[in-house]
């Protein structure tokens, strides 16, 4: 049985575990061995659990995570999705797509206009979002400057 839930800080260890495993392998190869740093990152992107953070329970176990916030914009209110990950043991089985549909239904009920997110165009997540009806914003550009 699948159930969409709102995540709070009590789920932090489970979120960290799913996140660490989801991004440890190819193509990301992220080293989240520093648990304190990982938990601080999760608190950041979840707005210290005051944002809009979803979990997908499958048979009572946390299986997928979406961390983000509500942002108000001139075109309407959006869910800004910062991080999405599915437990590695159930990836490529449609779980992520079902999870996104549940999230979209929930934000629609709340009167939001859409979902905004960023991803790399050379990662599997790019094709995942395209497959699920997300459109690339051609004029949108992300910038970064290293100062360290």
C-alpha atoms as a PDB file:
ATOM      1  CA  UNK A   1       0.000   0.000   0.000  1.00  0.00           C
ATOM      2  CA  UNK A   2       1.303   3.446  -0.978  1.00  0.00           C
ATOM      3  CA  UNK A   3       0.616   6.576   1.051  1.00  0.00           C
ATOM      4  CA  UNK A   4       1.703  10.188   0.516  1.00  0.00           C
ATOM      5  CA  UNK A   5       2.737  11.836   3.781  1.00  0.00           C
ATOM      6  CA  UNK A   6       4.205  15.137   4.937  1.00  0.00           C
ATOM      7  CA  UNK A   7       7.679  14.731   6.339  1.00  0.00           C
ATOM      8  CA  UNK A   8       8.822  16.246   9.608  1.00  0.00           C
ATOM      9  CA  UNK A   9      12.151  16.131  11.433  1.00  0.00           C
ATOM     10  CA  UNK A  10      11.370  12.722  12.947  1.00  0.00           C
ATOM     11  CA  UNK A  11      12.090  11.255   9.487  1.00  0.00           C
ATOM     12  CA  UNK A  12      15.558  12.861   9.228  1.00  0.00           C
ATOM     13  CA  UNK A  13      17.574   9.625   9.718  1.00  0.00           C
ATOM     14  CA  UNK A  14      15.447   7.739   7.159  1.00  0.00           C
ATOM     15  CA  UNK A  15      15.639  10.621   4.662  1.00  0.00           C
ATOM     16  CA  UNK A  16      19.416  10.744   5.069  1.00  0.00           C
ATOM     17  CA  UNK A  17      19.692   6.999   4.476  1.00  0.00           C
ATOM     18  CA  UNK A  18      17.604   7.077   1.278  1.00  0.00           C
ATOM     19  CA  UNK A  19      19.381  10.202   0.028  1.00  0.00           C
ATOM     20  CA  UNK A  20      22.881   8.845   0.738  1.00  0.00           C
ATOM     21  CA  UNK A  21      22.190   5.600  -1.150  1.00  0.00           C
ATOM     22  CA  UNK A  22      20.345   7.270  -4.029  1.00  0.00           C
ATOM     23  CA  UNK A  23      23.210   9.623  -4.847  1.00  0.00           C
ATOM     24  CA  UNK A  24      26.204   7.420  -3.958  1.00  0.00           C
ATOM     25  CA  UNK A  25      26.384   5.633  -7.294  1.00  0.00           C
ATOM     26  CA  UNK A  26      26.651   6.602 -10.926  1.00  0.00           C
ATOM     27  CA  UNK A  27      26.297   9.174 -12.317  1.00  0.00           C
ATOM     28  CA  UNK A  28      26.445  11.343  -9.178  1.00  0.00           C
ATOM     29  CA  UNK A  29      29.025   9.580  -6.996  1.00  0.00           C
ATOM     30  CA  UNK A  30      28.261  11.945  -4.106  1.00  0.00           C
ATOM     31  CA  UNK A  31      30.194  11.239  -0.916  1.00  0.00           C
ATOM     32  CA  UNK A  32      27.727  11.881   1.909  1.00  0.00           C
ATOM     33  CA  UNK A  33      29.728   9.902   4.467  1.00  0.00           C
ATOM     34  CA  UNK A  34      29.675  12.929   6.812  1.00  0.00           C
ATOM     35  CA  UNK A  35      26.269  12.370   8.433  1.00  0.00           C
ATOM     36  CA  UNK A  36      26.271  15.768  10.142  1.00  0.00           C
ATOM     37  CA  UNK A  37      26.879  17.530   6.812  1.00  0.00           C
ATOM     38  CA  UNK A  38      24.165  15.467   5.117  1.00  0.00           C
ATOM     39  CA  UNK A  39      21.625  16.164   7.837  1.00  0.00           C
ATOM     40  CA  UNK A  40      22.478  19.891   7.720  1.00  0.00           C
ATOM     41  CA  UNK A  41      21.926  19.825   3.936  1.00  0.00           C
ATOM     42  CA  UNK A  42      18.562  18.093   4.347  1.00  0.00           C
ATOM     43  CA  UNK A  43      17.542  20.690   6.932  1.00  0.00           C
ATOM     44  CA  UNK A  44      18.558  23.422   4.460  1.00  0.00           C
ATOM     45  CA  UNK A  45      16.575  22.128   1.481  1.00  0.00           C
ATOM     46  CA  UNK A  46      13.592  21.180   3.641  1.00  0.00           C
ATOM     47  CA  UNK A  47      13.551  24.710   5.106  1.00  0.00           C
ATOM     48  CA  UNK A  48      14.281  23.064   8.462  1.00  0.00           C
ATOM     49  CA  UNK A  49      11.105  21.026   7.945  1.00  0.00           C
ATOM     50  CA  UNK A  50       8.973  24.166   7.630  1.00  0.00           C
ATOM     51  CA  UNK A  51       8.874  23.764   3.850  1.00  0.00           C
ATOM     52  CA  UNK A  52       6.659  21.438   1.847  1.00  0.00           C
ATOM     53  CA  UNK A  53       8.264  18.030   2.227  1.00  0.00           C
ATOM     54  CA  UNK A  54       6.713  14.795   1.069  1.00  0.00           C
ATOM     55  CA  UNK A  55       7.390  11.152   1.666  1.00  0.00           C
ATOM     56  CA  UNK A  56       6.008   8.064   0.033  1.00  0.00           C
ATOM     57  CA  UNK A  57       5.342   5.197   2.392  1.00  0.00           C
ATOM     58  CA  UNK A  58       5.136   1.749   0.868  1.00  0.00           C
ATOM     59  CA  UNK A  59       3.825  -0.838   3.290  1.00  0.00           C
ATOM     60  CA  UNK A  60       4.620   1.572   6.126  1.00  0.00           C
ATOM     61  CA  UNK A  61       8.261   2.132   5.108  1.00  0.00           C
ATOM     62  CA  UNK A  62       9.652   5.404   3.745  1.00  0.00           C
ATOM     63  CA  UNK A  63      10.479   4.705   0.099  1.00  0.00           C
ATOM     64  CA  UNK A  64      10.746   8.118  -1.585  1.00  0.00           C
ATOM     65  CA  UNK A  65      11.428  11.694  -0.540  1.00  0.00           C
ATOM     66  CA  UNK A  66      10.652  15.124  -2.034  1.00  0.00           C
ATOM     67  CA  UNK A  67      12.019  18.190  -0.266  1.00  0.00           C
ATOM     68  CA  UNK A  68      11.053  21.721  -1.178  1.00  0.00           C
ATOM     69  CA  UNK A  69       9.150  24.861  -0.401  1.00  0.00           C
ATOM     70  CA  UNK A  70       6.213  26.991  -1.467  1.00  0.00           C
ATOM     71  CA  UNK A  71       7.208  30.090  -3.420  1.00  0.00           C
ATOM     72  CA  UNK A  72       4.973  32.930  -4.477  1.00  0.00           C
ATOM     73  CA  UNK A  73       5.572  34.369  -7.927  1.00  0.00           C
ATOM     74  CA  UNK A  74       3.718  36.798 -10.179  1.00  0.00           C
ATOM     75  CA  UNK A  75       2.421  33.873 -12.261  1.00  0.00           C
ATOM     76  CA  UNK A  76       1.117  32.065  -9.186  1.00  0.00           C
ATOM     77  CA  UNK A  77       2.235  30.014  -6.233  1.00  0.00           C
ATOM     78  CA  UNK A  78       4.538  27.100  -6.983  1.00  0.00           C
ATOM     79  CA  UNK A  79       6.067  24.131  -5.281  1.00  0.00           C
ATOM     80  CA  UNK A  80       9.839  24.548  -5.628  1.00  0.00           C
ATOM     81  CA  UNK A  81      11.202  21.026  -5.589  1.00  0.00           C
ATOM     82  CA  UNK A  82      14.771  20.992  -4.309  1.00  0.00           C
ATOM     83  CA  UNK A  83      15.441  17.263  -4.002  1.00  0.00           C
ATOM     84  CA  UNK A  84      13.664  14.094  -5.049  1.00  0.00           C
ATOM     85  CA  UNK A  85      14.933  10.574  -4.537  1.00  0.00           C
ATOM     86  CA  UNK A  86      13.567   7.062  -4.494  1.00  0.00           C
ATOM     87  CA  UNK A  87      15.049   4.179  -2.546  1.00  0.00           C
ATOM     88  CA  UNK A  88      17.529   2.420  -4.830  1.00  0.00           C
ATOM     89  CA  UNK A  89      15.876  -0.965  -4.258  1.00  0.00           C
ATOM     90  CA  UNK A  90      12.696   0.175  -6.050  1.00  0.00           C
ATOM     91  CA  UNK A  91      13.980   2.533  -8.737  1.00  0.00           C
ATOM     92  CA  UNK A  92      12.925   2.010 -12.369  1.00  0.00           C
ATOM     93  CA  UNK A  93       9.604   0.463 -11.343  1.00  0.00           C
ATOM     94  CA  UNK A  94       7.378   3.531 -11.788  1.00  0.00           C
ATOM     95  CA  UNK A  95       7.536   4.525  -8.115  1.00  0.00           C
ATOM     96  CA  UNK A  96       9.007   7.964  -8.833  1.00  0.00           C
ATOM     97  CA  UNK A  97       6.358   8.732 -11.446  1.00  0.00           C
ATOM     98  CA  UNK A  98       3.544   7.657  -9.110  1.00  0.00           C
ATOM     99  CA  UNK A  99       5.100   9.729  -6.326  1.00  0.00           C
ATOM    100  CA  UNK A 100       5.258  12.820  -8.568  1.00  0.00           C
ATOM    101  CA  UNK A 101       1.596  12.381  -9.562  1.00  0.00           C
ATOM    102  CA  UNK A 102       0.565  12.222  -5.894  1.00  0.00           C
ATOM    103  CA  UNK A 103       2.568  15.383  -5.177  1.00  0.00           C
ATOM    104  CA  UNK A 104       1.045  17.167  -8.178  1.00  0.00           C
ATOM    105  CA  UNK A 105      -2.469  16.208  -7.043  1.00  0.00           C
ATOM    106  CA  UNK A 106      -1.750  17.498  -3.538  1.00  0.00           C
ATOM    107  CA  UNK A 107      -0.373  20.856  -4.665  1.00  0.00           C
ATOM    108  CA  UNK A 108      -3.282  21.225  -7.125  1.00  0.00           C
ATOM    109  CA  UNK A 109      -5.708  20.725  -4.201  1.00  0.00           C
ATOM    110  CA  UNK A 110      -3.832  23.478  -2.386  1.00  0.00           C
ATOM    111  CA  UNK A 111      -4.408  25.835  -5.323  1.00  0.00           C
ATOM    112  CA  UNK A 112      -0.815  25.998  -6.529  1.00  0.00           C
ATOM    113  CA  UNK A 113       0.004  26.734 -10.153  1.00  0.00           C
ATOM    114  CA  UNK A 114       2.870  24.306 -10.724  1.00  0.00           C
ATOM    115  CA  UNK A 115       6.147  22.681  -9.812  1.00  0.00           C
ATOM    116  CA  UNK A 116       9.498  24.370 -10.399  1.00  0.00           C
ATOM    117  CA  UNK A 117      12.741  22.383 -10.237  1.00  0.00           C
ATOM    118  CA  UNK A 118      16.255  22.301 -11.561  1.00  0.00           C
ATOM    119  CA  UNK A 119      18.289  19.318 -12.687  1.00  0.00           C
ATOM    120  CA  UNK A 120      21.323  18.593 -14.825  1.00  0.00           C
ATOM    121  CA  UNK A 121      20.621  17.735 -18.454  1.00  0.00           C
ATOM    122  CA  UNK A 122      23.236  14.973 -18.399  1.00  0.00           C
ATOM    123  CA  UNK A 123      21.675  13.011 -15.529  1.00  0.00           C
ATOM    124  CA  UNK A 124      18.900  10.367 -15.577  1.00  0.00           C
ATOM    125  CA  UNK A 125      16.642  12.779 -13.679  1.00  0.00           C
ATOM    126  CA  UNK A 126      16.452  14.984 -16.800  1.00  0.00           C
ATOM    127  CA  UNK A 127      14.804  12.207 -18.824  1.00  0.00           C
ATOM    128  CA  UNK A 128      12.615  11.276 -15.828  1.00  0.00           C
ATOM    129  CA  UNK A 129      11.154  14.779 -15.591  1.00  0.00           C
ATOM    130  CA  UNK A 130      10.704  15.058 -19.363  1.00  0.00           C
ATOM    131  CA  UNK A 131       8.887  11.705 -19.378  1.00  0.00           C
ATOM    132  CA  UNK A 132       6.592  13.004 -16.628  1.00  0.00           C
ATOM    133  CA  UNK A 133       5.517  16.085 -18.601  1.00  0.00           C
ATOM    134  CA  UNK A 134       7.962  18.704 -17.325  1.00  0.00           C
ATOM    135  CA  UNK A 135       9.191  21.254 -19.855  1.00  0.00           C
ATOM    136  CA  UNK A 136      12.661  22.699 -20.021  1.00  0.00           C
ATOM    137  CA  UNK A 137      12.743  26.462 -19.507  1.00  0.00           C
ATOM    138  CA  UNK A 138      15.011  27.427 -22.394  1.00  0.00           C
ATOM    139  CA  UNK A 139      15.591  30.972 -21.175  1.00  0.00           C
ATOM    140  CA  UNK A 140      16.322  29.947 -17.581  1.00  0.00           C
ATOM    141  CA  UNK A 141      20.007  29.814 -16.732  1.00  0.00           C
ATOM    142  CA  UNK A 142      21.717  28.842 -13.497  1.00  0.00           C
ATOM    143  CA  UNK A 143      24.939  30.576 -12.511  1.00  0.00           C
ATOM    144  CA  UNK A 144      27.678  29.633 -10.063  1.00  0.00           C
ATOM    145  CA  UNK A 145      30.972  31.212  -9.152  1.00  0.00           C
ATOM    146  CA  UNK A 146      33.524  29.444  -6.946  1.00  0.00           C
ATOM    147  CA  UNK A 147      35.118  31.833  -4.479  1.00  0.00           C
ATOM    148  CA  UNK A 148      37.034  29.396  -2.282  1.00  0.00           C
END
